[in-house]
Amino acid sequence: MKATPTESAANDHGTGYGVIVEPGTLRLERVLPGPIERVWSYLAESDKRGQWFAYGDLEPRVGGRIKLTFRNSETSGDEPVPEKYRKYEGMSFDAKITRFEPPRLLAYTWGADPETDSEVIFELTPQGKDVRFVLTHRRLPSRKELLSVAGGWHSHADALVEILNGRAPRNFWSKHLKISAEYERRVPHE
């Protein structure tokens, strides 16, 4: 039986797996140690963002550019990059900022064309000393694309949790491969 988005979210409460909230849209949540300005800095500042996701300058305004350069080997310790992901090491692309509301909201295209590309939205909400981190990736055109980003976002969000808790991310690739296989199992076929 196929679960509704609400049922899927309820079933995954606390597991960290993202849920499909509507066709072509993945939502992933974490609770991070605050304050919110600290978490925001890991979204907006290249050197901090690069520790868990991708380096690159950000023009702090709607319509501004954000460059994303991936060096995932830096988040994996001594673990080698699997063959299927080597082509992405050092890959870069420019994206356009679609929403910019520090320190609570950052959104940008996943690619350079805001009309046709998917969009990534980061929402931060204070929860006492912690911060609720909600990542939504929408307008994904296919199950294949959704699966591709689901495992990646999950793995990167887990790396951010480690960093904000004062620990170095470890075993990025082996965790990523297991997580990606689990999304393959969880996400319904079209």
N, C-alpha and C. Protein backbone atom coordinates (compact mmCIF):
# COMPACT_ATOMS: atom_id res chain seq x y z
N MET A 1 0.85 -1.18 0.00
CA MET A 1 0.00 0.00 0.00
C MET A 1 0.89 1.24 0.00
N LYS A 2 0.55 2.18 -0.83
CA LYS A 2 1.32 3.42 -0.94
C LYS A 2 0.85 4.39 0.14
N ALA A 3 1.78 4.88 0.94
CA ALA A 3 1.43 5.82 2.01
C ALA A 3 1.23 7.22 1.44
N THR A 4 0.34 7.98 2.06
CA THR A 4 0.19 9.38 1.70
C THR A 4 1.39 10.12 2.25
N PRO A 5 1.67 11.35 1.75
CA PRO A 5 2.80 12.12 2.29
C PRO A 5 2.73 12.26 3.81
N THR A 6 1.54 12.51 4.35
CA THR A 6 1.42 12.67 5.79
C THR A 6 1.77 11.38 6.52
N GLU A 7 1.27 10.25 6.00
CA GLU A 7 1.58 8.97 6.62
C GLU A 7 3.07 8.67 6.53
N SER A 8 3.67 8.97 5.38
CA SER A 8 5.11 8.74 5.22
C SER A 8 5.89 9.56 6.23
N ALA A 9 5.51 10.81 6.40
CA ALA A 9 6.22 11.67 7.35
C ALA A 9 6.07 11.12 8.76
N ALA A 10 4.89 10.68 9.11
CA ALA A 10 4.66 10.14 10.46
C ALA A 10 5.47 8.87 10.67
N ASN A 11 5.52 8.01 9.65
CA ASN A 11 6.26 6.77 9.78
C ASN A 11 7.76 7.00 9.88
N ASP A 12 8.27 8.09 9.31
CA ASP A 12 9.70 8.36 9.31
C ASP A 12 10.13 9.30 10.43
N HIS A 13 9.20 9.68 11.30
CA HIS A 13 9.56 10.60 12.38
C HIS A 13 10.75 10.06 13.17
N GLY A 14 11.79 10.86 13.19
CA GLY A 14 12.96 10.49 13.98
C GLY A 14 13.98 9.65 13.24
N THR A 15 13.68 9.13 12.06
CA THR A 15 14.65 8.30 11.36
C THR A 15 15.61 9.12 10.53
N GLY A 16 15.23 10.35 10.19
CA GLY A 16 16.09 11.19 9.39
C GLY A 16 15.89 11.04 7.90
N TYR A 17 15.09 10.08 7.46
CA TYR A 17 14.87 9.94 6.03
C TYR A 17 13.93 11.02 5.54
N GLY A 18 14.22 11.53 4.36
CA GLY A 18 13.35 12.50 3.74
C GLY A 18 12.08 11.84 3.28
N VAL A 19 11.06 12.65 3.04
CA VAL A 19 9.78 12.15 2.57
C VAL A 19 9.39 12.89 1.29
N ILE A 20 8.62 12.22 0.47
CA ILE A 20 8.08 12.81 -0.74
C ILE A 20 6.77 13.47 -0.32
N VAL A 21 6.72 14.80 -0.34
CA VAL A 21 5.54 15.51 0.14
C VAL A 21 4.53 15.79 -0.97
N GLU A 22 4.99 15.71 -2.22
CA GLU A 22 4.14 15.81 -3.41
C GLU A 22 5.01 15.33 -4.56
N PRO A 23 4.44 15.03 -5.71
CA PRO A 23 5.27 14.56 -6.81
C PRO A 23 6.43 15.52 -7.11
N GLY A 24 7.64 14.95 -7.19
CA GLY A 24 8.81 15.75 -7.53
C GLY A 24 9.35 16.62 -6.41
N THR A 25 8.90 16.37 -5.16
CA THR A 25 9.34 17.21 -4.04
C THR A 25 9.77 16.34 -2.85
N LEU A 26 11.02 16.53 -2.44
CA LEU A 26 11.59 15.84 -1.29
C LEU A 26 11.74 16.82 -0.14
N ARG A 27 11.37 16.41 1.07
CA ARG A 27 11.58 17.24 2.26
C ARG A 27 12.36 16.41 3.28
N LEU A 28 13.38 17.06 3.84
CA LEU A 28 14.27 16.43 4.82
C LEU A 28 14.39 17.37 6.00
N GLU A 29 14.32 16.83 7.22
CA GLU A 29 14.40 17.67 8.41
C GLU A 29 15.47 17.14 9.37
N ARG A 30 16.08 18.08 10.07
CA ARG A 30 17.03 17.77 11.14
C ARG A 30 16.83 18.80 12.24
N VAL A 31 17.24 18.45 13.46
CA VAL A 31 17.33 19.42 14.54
C VAL A 31 18.82 19.59 14.81
N LEU A 32 19.26 20.85 14.72
CA LEU A 32 20.69 21.17 14.82
C LEU A 32 20.95 22.02 16.05
N PRO A 33 22.15 21.91 16.61
CA PRO A 33 22.49 22.81 17.71
C PRO A 33 22.64 24.24 17.21
N GLY A 34 22.00 25.17 17.91
CA GLY A 34 21.99 26.57 17.50
C GLY A 34 23.19 27.32 18.03
N PRO A 35 23.06 28.62 17.98
CA PRO A 35 21.89 29.42 17.61
C PRO A 35 21.70 29.48 16.10
N ILE A 36 20.59 30.07 15.69
CA ILE A 36 20.22 30.12 14.28
C ILE A 36 21.27 30.82 13.43
N GLU A 37 21.91 31.85 13.94
CA GLU A 37 22.94 32.58 13.18
C GLU A 37 24.12 31.66 12.86
N ARG A 38 24.44 30.77 13.77
CA ARG A 38 25.52 29.81 13.54
C ARG A 38 25.16 28.86 12.42
N VAL A 39 23.96 28.32 12.46
CA VAL A 39 23.53 27.40 11.41
C VAL A 39 23.47 28.14 10.07
N TRP A 40 22.94 29.36 10.07
CA TRP A 40 22.88 30.16 8.84
C TRP A 40 24.26 30.31 8.21
N SER A 41 25.27 30.51 9.04
CA SER A 41 26.62 30.70 8.50
C SER A 41 27.09 29.48 7.71
N TYR A 42 26.58 28.29 8.06
CA TYR A 42 26.95 27.07 7.34
C TYR A 42 26.17 26.91 6.04
N LEU A 43 25.18 27.75 5.82
CA LEU A 43 24.48 27.81 4.53
C LEU A 43 25.06 28.89 3.64
N ALA A 44 25.43 30.02 4.24
CA ALA A 44 25.77 31.22 3.47
C ALA A 44 27.26 31.42 3.23
N GLU A 45 28.11 30.93 4.10
CA GLU A 45 29.55 31.18 3.97
C GLU A 45 30.25 30.01 3.28
N SER A 46 30.97 30.31 2.22
CA SER A 46 31.60 29.28 1.39
C SER A 46 32.47 28.31 2.19
N ASP A 47 33.36 28.84 3.04
CA ASP A 47 34.28 27.95 3.75
C ASP A 47 33.53 27.00 4.69
N LYS A 48 32.47 27.46 5.32
CA LYS A 48 31.69 26.60 6.21
C LYS A 48 30.79 25.65 5.42
N ARG A 49 30.14 26.15 4.37
CA ARG A 49 29.27 25.30 3.55
C ARG A 49 30.09 24.18 2.89
N GLY A 50 31.31 24.50 2.51
CA GLY A 50 32.17 23.50 1.87
C GLY A 50 32.53 22.35 2.78
N GLN A 51 32.48 22.55 4.08
CA GLN A 51 32.80 21.47 5.02
C GLN A 51 31.77 20.35 5.00
N TRP A 52 30.53 20.69 4.60
CA TRP A 52 29.48 19.67 4.63
C TRP A 52 28.79 19.46 3.28
N PHE A 53 28.94 20.43 2.35
CA PHE A 53 28.19 20.33 1.10
C PHE A 53 29.01 20.79 -0.11
N ALA A 54 29.08 22.09 -0.37
CA ALA A 54 29.77 22.59 -1.56
C ALA A 54 30.31 23.99 -1.28
N TYR A 55 31.50 24.24 -1.78
CA TYR A 55 32.11 25.56 -1.68
C TYR A 55 31.52 26.48 -2.74
N GLY A 56 31.77 27.76 -2.56
CA GLY A 56 31.42 28.73 -3.60
C GLY A 56 30.83 30.00 -3.03
N ASP A 57 31.13 31.09 -3.72
CA ASP A 57 30.64 32.39 -3.29
C ASP A 57 29.14 32.51 -3.49
N LEU A 58 28.54 33.34 -2.65
CA LEU A 58 27.11 33.60 -2.68
C LEU A 58 26.91 35.10 -2.70
N GLU A 59 26.14 35.59 -3.67
CA GLU A 59 25.76 37.00 -3.70
C GLU A 59 24.51 37.14 -2.84
N PRO A 60 24.59 37.83 -1.70
CA PRO A 60 23.51 37.81 -0.71
C PRO A 60 22.29 38.66 -1.07
N ARG A 61 21.55 38.19 -2.11
CA ARG A 61 20.34 38.91 -2.53
C ARG A 61 19.54 38.02 -3.47
N VAL A 62 18.24 38.27 -3.55
CA VAL A 62 17.40 37.59 -4.52
C VAL A 62 17.91 37.98 -5.91
N GLY A 63 18.06 36.99 -6.77
CA GLY A 63 18.61 37.22 -8.11
C GLY A 63 20.11 37.08 -8.15
N GLY A 64 20.75 37.00 -6.98
CA GLY A 64 22.20 36.83 -6.93
C GLY A 64 22.61 35.43 -7.35
N ARG A 65 23.89 35.27 -7.53
CA ARG A 65 24.44 33.99 -7.96
C ARG A 65 25.05 33.27 -6.77
N ILE A 66 24.93 31.96 -6.79
CA ILE A 66 25.68 31.12 -5.85
C ILE A 66 26.42 30.08 -6.68
N LYS A 67 27.71 29.99 -6.47
CA LYS A 67 28.51 28.98 -7.16
C LYS A 67 28.63 27.79 -6.23
N LEU A 68 28.40 26.61 -6.76
CA LEU A 68 28.52 25.39 -5.98
C LEU A 68 29.61 24.52 -6.58
N THR A 69 30.66 24.28 -5.80
CA THR A 69 31.78 23.43 -6.22
C THR A 69 31.89 22.28 -5.23
N PHE A 70 31.76 21.07 -5.74
CA PHE A 70 31.70 19.88 -4.90
C PHE A 70 33.07 19.23 -4.74
N ARG A 71 33.43 19.03 -3.47
CA ARG A 71 34.65 18.31 -3.11
C ARG A 71 34.29 17.32 -2.01
N ASN A 72 33.44 16.37 -2.36
CA ASN A 72 32.94 15.42 -1.37
C ASN A 72 34.02 14.59 -0.72
N SER A 73 35.15 14.44 -1.39
CA SER A 73 36.23 13.67 -0.79
C SER A 73 36.71 14.32 0.51
N GLU A 74 36.51 15.63 0.64
CA GLU A 74 36.92 16.32 1.87
C GLU A 74 36.00 16.01 3.05
N THR A 75 34.79 15.52 2.78
CA THR A 75 33.88 15.17 3.87
C THR A 75 33.91 13.68 4.18
N SER A 76 34.81 12.94 3.51
CA SER A 76 34.80 11.50 3.69
C SER A 76 36.02 10.96 4.43
N GLY A 77 36.87 11.84 4.93
CA GLY A 77 38.07 11.37 5.61
C GLY A 77 38.96 10.63 4.64
N ASP A 78 39.45 9.47 5.04
CA ASP A 78 40.35 8.68 4.19
C ASP A 78 39.61 7.73 3.25
N GLU A 79 38.30 7.71 3.34
CA GLU A 79 37.52 6.79 2.53
C GLU A 79 37.58 7.19 1.05
N PRO A 80 37.89 6.26 0.16
CA PRO A 80 37.99 6.61 -1.27
C PRO A 80 36.61 6.90 -1.87
N VAL A 81 36.60 7.76 -2.89
CA VAL A 81 35.38 8.09 -3.61
C VAL A 81 35.00 6.90 -4.49
N PRO A 82 33.77 6.39 -4.37
CA PRO A 82 33.35 5.28 -5.25
C PRO A 82 33.43 5.69 -6.72
N GLU A 83 33.73 4.72 -7.55
CA GLU A 83 33.91 4.97 -8.99
C GLU A 83 32.73 5.74 -9.58
N LYS A 84 31.51 5.39 -9.24
CA LYS A 84 30.34 6.03 -9.86
C LYS A 84 30.19 7.50 -9.50
N TYR A 85 30.90 7.97 -8.45
CA TYR A 85 30.81 9.37 -8.05
C TYR A 85 32.05 10.18 -8.38
N ARG A 86 33.09 9.56 -8.90
CA ARG A 86 34.33 10.28 -9.18
C ARG A 86 34.14 11.42 -10.18
N LYS A 87 33.24 11.24 -11.12
CA LYS A 87 33.04 12.28 -12.15
C LYS A 87 32.47 13.56 -11.55
N TYR A 88 31.88 13.49 -10.36
CA TYR A 88 31.31 14.68 -9.73
C TYR A 88 32.31 15.43 -8.85
N GLU A 89 33.42 14.80 -8.53
CA GLU A 89 34.42 15.44 -7.68
C GLU A 89 34.99 16.66 -8.40
N GLY A 90 34.85 17.82 -7.78
CA GLY A 90 35.32 19.07 -8.38
C GLY A 90 34.32 19.72 -9.33
N MET A 91 33.17 19.07 -9.54
CA MET A 91 32.14 19.63 -10.41
C MET A 91 31.63 20.94 -9.83
N SER A 92 31.35 21.89 -10.71
CA SER A 92 30.82 23.20 -10.30
C SER A 92 29.64 23.59 -11.18
N PHE A 93 28.74 24.35 -10.60
CA PHE A 93 27.72 25.02 -11.40
C PHE A 93 27.25 26.25 -10.65
N ASP A 94 26.71 27.18 -11.41
CA ASP A 94 26.15 28.40 -10.85
C ASP A 94 24.65 28.22 -10.71
N ALA A 95 24.10 28.75 -9.64
CA ALA A 95 22.67 28.73 -9.41
C ALA A 95 22.22 30.15 -9.11
N LYS A 96 20.92 30.38 -9.21
CA LYS A 96 20.36 31.71 -8.96
C LYS A 96 19.58 31.68 -7.66
N ILE A 97 19.83 32.67 -6.80
CA ILE A 97 19.13 32.75 -5.52
C ILE A 97 17.71 33.25 -5.78
N THR A 98 16.74 32.48 -5.30
CA THR A 98 15.33 32.81 -5.50
C THR A 98 14.68 33.41 -4.25
N ARG A 99 15.25 33.12 -3.09
CA ARG A 99 14.76 33.71 -1.83
C ARG A 99 15.96 33.88 -0.90
N PHE A 100 16.01 35.01 -0.22
CA PHE A 100 17.13 35.30 0.67
C PHE A 100 16.60 36.11 1.84
N GLU A 101 16.41 35.43 2.99
CA GLU A 101 15.87 36.07 4.18
C GLU A 101 16.68 35.64 5.40
N PRO A 102 17.90 36.19 5.56
CA PRO A 102 18.76 35.80 6.68
C PRO A 102 18.10 36.08 8.02
N PRO A 103 18.29 35.26 9.01
CA PRO A 103 18.95 33.95 9.00
C PRO A 103 17.96 32.80 8.92
N ARG A 104 16.83 32.98 8.25
CA ARG A 104 15.78 31.96 8.29
C ARG A 104 15.52 31.21 6.98
N LEU A 105 15.82 31.82 5.84
CA LEU A 105 15.42 31.20 4.59
C LEU A 105 16.42 31.51 3.47
N LEU A 106 16.82 30.46 2.77
CA LEU A 106 17.67 30.57 1.60
C LEU A 106 17.14 29.59 0.57
N ALA A 107 16.92 30.05 -0.66
CA ALA A 107 16.47 29.18 -1.74
C ALA A 107 17.22 29.54 -3.01
N TYR A 108 17.51 28.51 -3.81
CA TYR A 108 18.17 28.75 -5.09
C TYR A 108 17.84 27.64 -6.07
N THR A 109 18.04 27.96 -7.33
CA THR A 109 17.82 26.96 -8.38
C THR A 109 18.88 25.88 -8.26
N TRP A 110 18.54 24.71 -8.72
CA TRP A 110 19.50 23.61 -8.79
C TRP A 110 19.93 23.55 -10.25
N GLY A 111 20.83 24.46 -10.58
CA GLY A 111 21.23 24.71 -11.95
C GLY A 111 21.08 26.21 -12.20
N ALA A 112 21.29 26.64 -13.41
CA ALA A 112 21.34 28.08 -13.69
C ALA A 112 20.04 28.68 -14.22
N ASP A 113 19.07 27.86 -14.63
CA ASP A 113 17.86 28.39 -15.24
C ASP A 113 16.68 28.31 -14.27
N PRO A 114 16.23 29.44 -13.71
CA PRO A 114 15.16 29.41 -12.71
C PRO A 114 13.82 28.95 -13.27
N GLU A 115 13.65 28.97 -14.58
CA GLU A 115 12.38 28.56 -15.18
C GLU A 115 12.26 27.05 -15.32
N THR A 116 13.37 26.36 -15.56
CA THR A 116 13.30 24.92 -15.82
C THR A 116 13.98 24.05 -14.77
N ASP A 117 14.88 24.60 -14.00
CA ASP A 117 15.61 23.80 -13.03
C ASP A 117 14.80 23.59 -11.76
N SER A 118 15.19 22.59 -11.01
CA SER A 118 14.56 22.37 -9.71
C SER A 118 15.04 23.45 -8.74
N GLU A 119 14.46 23.46 -7.56
CA GLU A 119 14.79 24.50 -6.57
C GLU A 119 15.02 23.85 -5.21
N VAL A 120 16.02 24.35 -4.50
CA VAL A 120 16.35 23.90 -3.15
C VAL A 120 16.00 25.02 -2.18
N ILE A 121 15.29 24.68 -1.12
CA ILE A 121 14.87 25.66 -0.12
C ILE A 121 15.35 25.19 1.25
N PHE A 122 16.07 26.06 1.95
CA PHE A 122 16.50 25.79 3.32
C PHE A 122 15.72 26.71 4.24
N GLU A 123 15.04 26.13 5.23
CA GLU A 123 14.29 26.92 6.21
C GLU A 123 14.84 26.61 7.60
N LEU A 124 15.14 27.64 8.36
CA LEU A 124 15.65 27.50 9.71
C LEU A 124 14.66 28.13 10.69
N THR A 125 14.34 27.39 11.75
CA THR A 125 13.41 27.89 12.76
C THR A 125 14.00 27.59 14.14
N PRO A 126 14.14 28.62 15.00
CA PRO A 126 14.65 28.36 16.35
C PRO A 126 13.70 27.44 17.12
N GLN A 127 14.29 26.55 17.90
CA GLN A 127 13.55 25.68 18.82
C GLN A 127 14.34 25.65 20.12
N GLY A 128 14.09 26.63 20.97
CA GLY A 128 14.91 26.74 22.18
C GLY A 128 16.34 27.03 21.78
N LYS A 129 17.28 26.22 22.28
CA LYS A 129 18.70 26.37 21.93
C LYS A 129 19.04 25.73 20.59
N ASP A 130 18.09 24.95 20.06
CA ASP A 130 18.32 24.25 18.80
C ASP A 130 17.67 24.98 17.64
N VAL A 131 17.87 24.43 16.44
CA VAL A 131 17.32 25.00 15.22
C VAL A 131 16.74 23.86 14.38
N ARG A 132 15.49 24.02 13.97
CA ARG A 132 14.89 23.06 13.03
C ARG A 132 15.34 23.46 11.64
N PHE A 133 15.97 22.52 10.96
CA PHE A 133 16.51 22.67 9.61
C PHE A 133 15.59 21.87 8.69
N VAL A 134 14.94 22.55 7.76
CA VAL A 134 14.08 21.88 6.79
C VAL A 134 14.63 22.18 5.40
N LEU A 135 14.94 21.13 4.68
CA LEU A 135 15.43 21.23 3.32
C LEU A 135 14.35 20.66 2.41
N THR A 136 13.93 21.45 1.45
CA THR A 136 12.95 21.00 0.47
C THR A 136 13.57 21.15 -0.92
N HIS A 137 13.56 20.07 -1.67
CA HIS A 137 14.04 20.13 -3.06
C HIS A 137 12.83 19.83 -3.92
N ARG A 138 12.41 20.82 -4.72
CA ARG A 138 11.16 20.68 -5.48
C ARG A 138 11.41 20.80 -6.98
N ARG A 139 10.40 20.44 -7.72
CA ARG A 139 10.42 20.44 -9.19
C ARG A 139 11.43 19.44 -9.75
N LEU A 140 11.58 18.31 -9.07
CA LEU A 140 12.44 17.26 -9.59
C LEU A 140 11.67 16.52 -10.68
N PRO A 141 12.23 16.40 -11.88
CA PRO A 141 11.46 15.94 -13.03
C PRO A 141 11.18 14.44 -13.10
N SER A 142 11.90 13.63 -12.32
CA SER A 142 11.73 12.18 -12.45
C SER A 142 12.13 11.49 -11.15
N ARG A 143 11.72 10.23 -11.04
CA ARG A 143 12.11 9.41 -9.89
C ARG A 143 13.63 9.28 -9.84
N LYS A 144 14.26 9.10 -10.99
CA LYS A 144 15.72 8.97 -11.05
C LYS A 144 16.39 10.20 -10.44
N GLU A 145 15.94 11.39 -10.83
CA GLU A 145 16.51 12.63 -10.30
C GLU A 145 16.22 12.76 -8.80
N LEU A 146 15.01 12.40 -8.39
CA LEU A 146 14.65 12.46 -6.98
C LEU A 146 15.55 11.54 -6.15
N LEU A 147 15.76 10.33 -6.63
CA LEU A 147 16.64 9.40 -5.92
C LEU A 147 18.07 9.92 -5.86
N SER A 148 18.52 10.52 -6.93
CA SER A 148 19.88 11.05 -6.97
C SER A 148 20.10 12.10 -5.88
N VAL A 149 19.15 13.03 -5.75
CA VAL A 149 19.33 14.09 -4.76
C VAL A 149 18.98 13.64 -3.34
N ALA A 150 18.06 12.68 -3.20
CA ALA A 150 17.65 12.24 -1.85
C ALA A 150 18.82 11.68 -1.06
N GLY A 151 19.55 10.74 -1.64
CA GLY A 151 20.69 10.17 -0.94
C GLY A 151 21.77 11.20 -0.68
N GLY A 152 21.98 12.10 -1.63
CA GLY A 152 22.99 13.14 -1.46
C GLY A 152 22.63 14.11 -0.35
N TRP A 153 21.40 14.65 -0.40
CA TRP A 153 21.00 15.60 0.64
C TRP A 153 21.02 14.95 2.02
N HIS A 154 20.56 13.72 2.12
CA HIS A 154 20.56 13.03 3.40
C HIS A 154 21.99 12.91 3.94
N SER A 155 22.89 12.48 3.08
CA SER A 155 24.29 12.30 3.49
C SER A 155 24.94 13.63 3.88
N HIS A 156 24.67 14.67 3.10
CA HIS A 156 25.24 15.98 3.41
C HIS A 156 24.64 16.55 4.69
N ALA A 157 23.34 16.39 4.89
CA ALA A 157 22.70 16.88 6.13
C ALA A 157 23.28 16.17 7.34
N ASP A 158 23.54 14.88 7.22
CA ASP A 158 24.16 14.13 8.32
C ASP A 158 25.57 14.67 8.61
N ALA A 159 26.31 15.04 7.56
CA ALA A 159 27.64 15.63 7.75
C ALA A 159 27.52 16.96 8.48
N LEU A 160 26.50 17.76 8.15
CA LEU A 160 26.29 19.04 8.83
C LEU A 160 25.99 18.81 10.31
N VAL A 161 25.19 17.82 10.63
CA VAL A 161 24.90 17.48 12.03
C VAL A 161 26.19 17.18 12.77
N GLU A 162 27.05 16.38 12.18
CA GLU A 162 28.32 16.03 12.82
C GLU A 162 29.16 17.27 13.08
N ILE A 163 29.31 18.11 12.06
CA ILE A 163 30.14 19.32 12.18
C ILE A 163 29.60 20.24 13.27
N LEU A 164 28.30 20.48 13.27
CA LEU A 164 27.72 21.39 14.26
C LEU A 164 27.76 20.82 15.68
N ASN A 165 27.97 19.51 15.78
CA ASN A 165 28.14 18.89 17.09
C ASN A 165 29.62 18.70 17.44
N GLY A 166 30.50 19.34 16.67
CA GLY A 166 31.93 19.33 16.97
C GLY A 166 32.67 18.07 16.59
N ARG A 167 32.09 17.28 15.68
CA ARG A 167 32.72 16.04 15.24
C ARG A 167 33.01 16.12 13.74
N ALA A 168 34.07 15.48 13.33
CA ALA A 168 34.39 15.42 11.91
C ALA A 168 33.51 14.37 11.25
N PRO A 169 32.93 14.69 10.09
CA PRO A 169 32.16 13.66 9.37
C PRO A 169 33.07 12.50 9.00
N ARG A 170 32.53 11.29 9.11
CA ARG A 170 33.33 10.10 8.80
C ARG A 170 32.51 9.16 7.92
N ASN A 171 33.21 8.40 7.13
CA ASN A 171 32.58 7.35 6.32
C ASN A 171 31.45 7.88 5.43
N PHE A 172 31.64 9.07 4.87
CA PHE A 172 30.61 9.68 4.04
C PHE A 172 30.14 8.74 2.94
N TRP A 173 31.08 8.15 2.21
CA TRP A 173 30.71 7.36 1.03
C TRP A 173 30.03 6.06 1.39
N SER A 174 30.52 5.34 2.38
CA SER A 174 29.86 4.08 2.72
C SER A 174 28.46 4.34 3.27
N LYS A 175 28.30 5.41 4.07
CA LYS A 175 26.97 5.77 4.55
C LYS A 175 26.08 6.19 3.38
N HIS A 176 26.63 7.00 2.48
CA HIS A 176 25.87 7.48 1.33
C HIS A 176 25.34 6.31 0.49
N LEU A 177 26.17 5.32 0.24
CA LEU A 177 25.73 4.18 -0.57
C LEU A 177 24.59 3.43 0.11
N LYS A 178 24.66 3.24 1.44
CA LYS A 178 23.58 2.56 2.18
C LYS A 178 22.30 3.40 2.17
N ILE A 179 22.45 4.69 2.40
CA ILE A 179 21.30 5.60 2.41
C ILE A 179 20.63 5.63 1.04
N SER A 180 21.42 5.72 -0.02
CA SER A 180 20.87 5.77 -1.38
C SER A 180 20.10 4.48 -1.69
N ALA A 181 20.62 3.36 -1.26
CA ALA A 181 19.92 2.08 -1.48
C ALA A 181 18.59 2.07 -0.72
N GLU A 182 18.56 2.65 0.45
CA GLU A 182 17.31 2.70 1.22
C GLU A 182 16.28 3.61 0.54
N TYR A 183 16.72 4.74 -0.02
CA TYR A 183 15.78 5.59 -0.77
C TYR A 183 15.25 4.85 -1.99
N GLU A 184 16.08 4.08 -2.65
CA GLU A 184 15.63 3.29 -3.80
C GLU A 184 14.49 2.36 -3.37
N ARG A 185 14.59 1.82 -2.19
CA ARG A 185 13.56 0.93 -1.67
C ARG A 185 12.30 1.70 -1.27
N ARG A 186 12.48 2.87 -0.66
CA ARG A 186 11.36 3.64 -0.10
C ARG A 186 10.55 4.44 -1.12
N VAL A 187 11.20 4.95 -2.15
CA VAL A 187 10.51 5.85 -3.08
C VAL A 187 9.72 5.02 -4.10
N PRO A 188 8.41 5.23 -4.18
CA PRO A 188 7.59 4.45 -5.10
C PRO A 188 8.01 4.68 -6.56
N HIS A 189 7.84 3.64 -7.36
CA HIS A 189 8.09 3.77 -8.81
C HIS A 189 6.97 4.58 -9.43
N GLU A 190 7.32 5.31 -10.46
CA GLU A 190 6.34 6.19 -11.12
C GLU A 190 5.30 5.40 -11.87
